[in-house]
Amino acid sequence: MENTVEYNEDKILFLNSVSDIKKKNDGSFIVNYNNMPYHISQSDEMLEKYNWLTEYIEKYPEQAEEYIEKKYIPSADEKVENIRNKRNSLLNEADIMLMKYQEQVSLNIISENSEYYNALLQYKQNLRDITKQLDFPDNVIWPVRPEC
C-alpha cells in the first residue's frame, strides 16, 4: 500500500514538473522537464513516465501539441564553407598522393607513368575549379580521383 502512495506522489511530482508537451510521430514525447528538454520514449527505463504522460494526455488532450521536426537548412555561406573545407581536404590528399608517387618514381620503386601524373594534376585543378561550377554551391559535381 505504501508503494502505491509513493508511486502517486512520484507521478504528481513528475507531471507538475512537465510543460510544453509535444508528441512525436513515433508516439514518444518531447517535453520540458524542470525547464530542460527531455525525450520520453517507450523504452523500459522510461515506460513508467511514458504511461503517466499518455494517461495525462488522454484526460487533457489540449495540453499536448504535435511535434514538428525542423530540418536544418544551411545558409549559402555555410554551404560554401563546407564545400571549400571538403575541397581543401581532397587537395591535401592529392598532394600526398603526388608526393608518394614522385618519391616512388625517384627511388625506382615504380616506373614513371605520365598519364597518371597528369591525371592527378588535372584532378587537383578540377578541385580548384569547383567554385566555378554553374550551380555552385547548391549542386557540386565532384571530380573523381584517378587510381594508379
C-alpha atoms as a PDB file:
ATOM      1  CA  MET A   1       0.000   0.000   0.000  1.00  0.00           C
ATOM      2  CA  GLU A   2       2.842   2.345   0.841  1.00  0.00           C
ATOM      3  CA  ASN A   3       4.339   1.809  -2.646  1.00  0.00           C
ATOM      4  CA  THR A   4       1.080   2.992  -4.218  1.00  0.00           C
ATOM      5  CA  VAL A   5       1.310   6.272  -2.296  1.00  0.00           C
ATOM      6  CA  GLU A   6       4.949   6.807  -3.404  1.00  0.00           C
ATOM      7  CA  TYR A   7       4.010   5.963  -6.964  1.00  0.00           C
ATOM      8  CA  ASN A   8       1.221   8.533  -6.912  1.00  0.00           C
ATOM      9  CA  GLU A   9       3.500  11.137  -5.335  1.00  0.00           C
ATOM     10  CA  ASP A  10       6.176  10.440  -7.967  1.00  0.00           C
ATOM     11  CA  LYS A  11       3.575  10.704 -10.682  1.00  0.00           C
ATOM     12  CA  ILE A  12       2.234  14.007  -9.355  1.00  0.00           C
ATOM     13  CA  LEU A  13       5.746  15.442  -8.912  1.00  0.00           C
ATOM     14  CA  PHE A  14       6.649  14.381 -12.422  1.00  0.00           C
ATOM     15  CA  LEU A  15       3.512  15.767 -14.055  1.00  0.00           C
ATOM     16  CA  ASN A  16       3.849  19.047 -12.127  1.00  0.00           C
ATOM     17  CA  SER A  17       7.424  19.406 -13.426  1.00  0.00           C
ATOM     18  CA  VAL A  18       6.469  18.820 -17.072  1.00  0.00           C
ATOM     19  CA  SER A  19       5.478  21.541 -19.522  1.00  0.00           C
ATOM     20  CA  ASP A  20       5.366  22.157 -23.271  1.00  0.00           C
ATOM     21  CA  ILE A  21       4.368  18.575 -24.153  1.00  0.00           C
ATOM     22  CA  LYS A  22       4.857  17.615 -27.783  1.00  0.00           C
ATOM     23  CA  LYS A  23       4.019  14.197 -29.211  1.00  0.00           C
ATOM     24  CA  LYS A  24       6.246  12.814 -31.967  1.00  0.00           C
ATOM     25  CA  ASN A  25       5.107  10.635 -34.884  1.00  0.00           C
ATOM     26  CA  ASP A  26       6.679   7.573 -33.259  1.00  0.00           C
ATOM     27  CA  GLY A  27       4.491   8.043 -30.171  1.00  0.00           C
ATOM     28  CA  SER A  28       7.259   9.349 -27.922  1.00  0.00           C
ATOM     29  CA  PHE A  29       7.169  12.767 -26.263  1.00  0.00           C
ATOM     30  CA  ILE A  30       9.416  15.805 -26.176  1.00  0.00           C
ATOM     31  CA  VAL A  31       8.756  17.785 -23.010  1.00  0.00           C
ATOM     32  CA  ASN A  32      10.296  20.432 -20.834  1.00  0.00           C
ATOM     33  CA  TYR A  33      11.058  18.684 -17.563  1.00  0.00           C
ATOM     34  CA  ASN A  34      12.302  21.030 -14.858  1.00  0.00           C
ATOM     35  CA  ASN A  35      12.914  23.584 -17.629  1.00  0.00           C
ATOM     36  CA  MET A  36      15.134  21.219 -19.621  1.00  0.00           C
ATOM     37  CA  PRO A  37      14.238  19.436 -22.888  1.00  0.00           C
ATOM     38  CA  TYR A  38      13.599  15.763 -22.291  1.00  0.00           C
ATOM     39  CA  HIS A  39      12.721  12.872 -24.598  1.00  0.00           C
ATOM     40  CA  ILE A  40      10.331  10.315 -23.156  1.00  0.00           C
ATOM     41  CA  SER A  41      10.077   7.139 -25.183  1.00  0.00           C
ATOM     42  CA  GLN A  42       8.502   3.745 -24.663  1.00  0.00           C
ATOM     43  CA  SER A  43      11.834   2.244 -23.635  1.00  0.00           C
ATOM     44  CA  ASP A  44      11.963   0.136 -20.469  1.00  0.00           C
ATOM     45  CA  GLU A  45      13.614   2.858 -18.370  1.00  0.00           C
ATOM     46  CA  MET A  46      11.062   5.491 -19.488  1.00  0.00           C
ATOM     47  CA  LEU A  47       7.940   3.344 -19.633  1.00  0.00           C
ATOM     48  CA  GLU A  48       6.504   4.498 -16.324  1.00  0.00           C
ATOM     49  CA  LYS A  49       6.819   8.199 -17.205  1.00  0.00           C
ATOM     50  CA  TYR A  50       5.612   7.468 -20.724  1.00  0.00           C
ATOM     51  CA  ASN A  51       2.466   5.833 -19.316  1.00  0.00           C
ATOM     52  CA  TRP A  52       1.901   8.751 -16.930  1.00  0.00           C
ATOM     53  CA  LEU A  53       2.133  11.208 -19.812  1.00  0.00           C
ATOM     54  CA  THR A  54      -0.121   9.133 -22.047  1.00  0.00           C
ATOM     55  CA  GLU A  55      -2.744   8.925 -19.301  1.00  0.00           C
ATOM     56  CA  TYR A  56      -2.456  12.679 -18.701  1.00  0.00           C
ATOM     57  CA  ILE A  57      -2.817  13.495 -22.432  1.00  0.00           C
ATOM     58  CA  GLU A  58      -5.895  11.279 -22.678  1.00  0.00           C
ATOM     59  CA  LYS A  59      -7.515  13.356 -19.905  1.00  0.00           C
ATOM     60  CA  TYR A  60      -6.223  16.718 -21.141  1.00  0.00           C
ATOM     61  CA  PRO A  61      -5.555  16.482 -24.891  1.00  0.00           C
ATOM     62  CA  GLU A  62      -5.270  20.262 -25.210  1.00  0.00           C
ATOM     63  CA  GLN A  63      -2.060  20.099 -23.143  1.00  0.00           C
ATOM     64  CA  ALA A  64      -0.110  18.406 -25.962  1.00  0.00           C
ATOM     65  CA  GLU A  65       0.864  19.530 -29.433  1.00  0.00           C
ATOM     66  CA  GLU A  66       2.186  17.653 -32.406  1.00  0.00           C
ATOM     67  CA  TYR A  67       5.971  17.746 -32.523  1.00  0.00           C
ATOM     68  CA  ILE A  68       7.157  19.133 -35.841  1.00  0.00           C
ATOM     69  CA  GLU A  69      10.769  18.353 -36.598  1.00  0.00           C
ATOM     70  CA  LYS A  70      12.604  21.263 -38.082  1.00  0.00           C
ATOM     71  CA  LYS A  71      15.042  20.338 -40.792  1.00  0.00           C
ATOM     72  CA  TYR A  72      18.218  22.358 -40.653  1.00  0.00           C
ATOM     73  CA  ILE A  73      18.939  24.139 -43.915  1.00  0.00           C
ATOM     74  CA  PRO A  74      22.420  25.619 -44.083  1.00  0.00           C
ATOM     75  CA  SER A  75      22.867  29.155 -45.346  1.00  0.00           C
ATOM     76  CA  ALA A  76      24.648  29.817 -48.638  1.00  0.00           C
ATOM     77  CA  ASP A  77      27.764  30.891 -46.719  1.00  0.00           C
ATOM     78  CA  GLU A  78      27.726  27.654 -44.693  1.00  0.00           C
ATOM     79  CA  LYS A  79      27.354  25.595 -47.883  1.00  0.00           C
ATOM     80  CA  VAL A  80      30.305  27.394 -49.456  1.00  0.00           C
ATOM     81  CA  GLU A  81      32.426  26.909 -46.333  1.00  0.00           C
ATOM     82  CA  ASN A  82      31.580  23.183 -46.133  1.00  0.00           C
ATOM     83  CA  ILE A  83      32.380  22.660 -49.807  1.00  0.00           C
ATOM     84  CA  ARG A  84      35.667  24.546 -49.547  1.00  0.00           C
ATOM     85  CA  ASN A  85      36.640  22.529 -46.463  1.00  0.00           C
ATOM     86  CA  LYS A  86      35.948  19.266 -48.308  1.00  0.00           C
ATOM     87  CA  ARG A  87      37.778  20.522 -51.383  1.00  0.00           C
ATOM     88  CA  ASN A  88      40.816  21.562 -49.324  1.00  0.00           C
ATOM     89  CA  SER A  89      40.885  18.165 -47.655  1.00  0.00           C
ATOM     90  CA  LEU A  90      40.772  16.426 -51.051  1.00  0.00           C
ATOM     91  CA  LEU A  91      43.537  18.735 -52.342  1.00  0.00           C
ATOM     92  CA  ASN A  92      45.701  17.783 -49.351  1.00  0.00           C
ATOM     93  CA  GLU A  93      45.097  14.089 -50.054  1.00  0.00           C
ATOM     94  CA  ALA A  94      46.020  14.627 -53.708  1.00  0.00           C
ATOM     95  CA  ASP A  95      49.227  16.425 -52.667  1.00  0.00           C
ATOM     96  CA  ILE A  96      50.196  13.446 -50.523  1.00  0.00           C
ATOM     97  CA  MET A  97      49.466  11.075 -53.406  1.00  0.00           C
ATOM     98  CA  LEU A  98      51.645  13.195 -55.724  1.00  0.00           C
ATOM     99  CA  MET A  99      54.499  13.251 -53.211  1.00  0.00           C
ATOM    100  CA  LYS A 100      54.324   9.484 -52.733  1.00  0.00           C
ATOM    101  CA  TYR A 101      54.214   8.965 -56.488  1.00  0.00           C
ATOM    102  CA  GLN A 102      57.233  11.222 -57.041  1.00  0.00           C
ATOM    103  CA  GLU A 103      59.188   9.541 -54.218  1.00  0.00           C
ATOM    104  CA  GLN A 104      58.462   6.069 -55.573  1.00  0.00           C
ATOM    105  CA  VAL A 105      59.493   7.100 -59.101  1.00  0.00           C
ATOM    106  CA  SER A 106      62.716   8.720 -57.755  1.00  0.00           C
ATOM    107  CA  LEU A 107      63.578   5.553 -55.823  1.00  0.00           C
ATOM    108  CA  ASN A 108      62.759   3.338 -58.828  1.00  0.00           C
ATOM    109  CA  ILE A 109      60.045   1.575 -56.828  1.00  0.00           C
ATOM    110  CA  ILE A 110      57.589   2.194 -59.646  1.00  0.00           C
ATOM    111  CA  SER A 111      58.130   3.302 -63.210  1.00  0.00           C
ATOM    112  CA  GLU A 112      57.090   6.741 -64.310  1.00  0.00           C
ATOM    113  CA  ASN A 113      53.509   6.978 -65.502  1.00  0.00           C
ATOM    114  CA  SER A 114      52.982  10.394 -67.064  1.00  0.00           C
ATOM    115  CA  GLU A 115      49.311   9.597 -67.752  1.00  0.00           C
ATOM    116  CA  TYR A 116      48.648   9.034 -64.036  1.00  0.00           C
ATOM    117  CA  TYR A 117      50.764  12.039 -63.021  1.00  0.00           C
ATOM    118  CA  ASN A 118      48.901  14.337 -65.423  1.00  0.00           C
ATOM    119  CA  ALA A 119      45.555  12.908 -64.311  1.00  0.00           C
ATOM    120  CA  LEU A 120      46.421  13.767 -60.695  1.00  0.00           C
ATOM    121  CA  LEU A 121      47.399  17.294 -61.712  1.00  0.00           C
ATOM    122  CA  GLN A 122      44.132  17.664 -63.651  1.00  0.00           C
ATOM    123  CA  TYR A 123      42.191  16.290 -60.681  1.00  0.00           C
ATOM    124  CA  LYS A 124      43.723  18.965 -58.454  1.00  0.00           C
ATOM    125  CA  GLN A 125      42.828  21.659 -60.973  1.00  0.00           C
ATOM    126  CA  ASN A 126      39.264  20.361 -61.188  1.00  0.00           C
ATOM    127  CA  LEU A 127      39.027  20.587 -57.393  1.00  0.00           C
ATOM    128  CA  ARG A 128      40.242  24.189 -57.501  1.00  0.00           C
ATOM    129  CA  ASP A 129      37.610  24.957 -60.166  1.00  0.00           C
ATOM    130  CA  ILE A 130      34.713  23.638 -58.023  1.00  0.00           C
ATOM    131  CA  THR A 131      33.672  27.212 -57.198  1.00  0.00           C
ATOM    132  CA  LYS A 132      33.327  27.993 -60.928  1.00  0.00           C
ATOM    133  CA  GLN A 133      30.654  25.347 -61.494  1.00  0.00           C
ATOM    134  CA  LEU A 134      27.331  26.651 -62.764  1.00  0.00           C
ATOM    135  CA  ASP A 135      25.184  25.567 -59.765  1.00  0.00           C
ATOM    136  CA  PHE A 136      27.803  26.229 -57.065  1.00  0.00           C
ATOM    137  CA  PRO A 137      27.190  25.886 -54.098  1.00  0.00           C
ATOM    138  CA  ASP A 138      23.804  24.169 -54.462  1.00  0.00           C
ATOM    139  CA  ASN A 139      24.835  21.366 -56.799  1.00  0.00           C
ATOM    140  CA  VAL A 140      28.507  20.456 -56.841  1.00  0.00           C
ATOM    141  CA  ILE A 141      29.849  17.735 -59.112  1.00  0.00           C
ATOM    142  CA  TRP A 142      32.977  16.342 -57.505  1.00  0.00           C
ATOM    143  CA  PRO A 143      35.785  15.137 -59.756  1.00  0.00           C
ATOM    144  CA  VAL A 144      36.853  11.514 -59.483  1.00  0.00           C
ATOM    145  CA  ARG A 145      40.358  10.905 -58.107  1.00  0.00           C
ATOM    146  CA  PRO A 146      42.473   8.887 -60.542  1.00  0.00           C
ATOM    147  CA  GLU A 147      43.760   5.497 -59.419  1.00  0.00           C
ATOM    148  CA  CYS A 148      47.295   4.350 -60.025  1.00  0.00           C
END
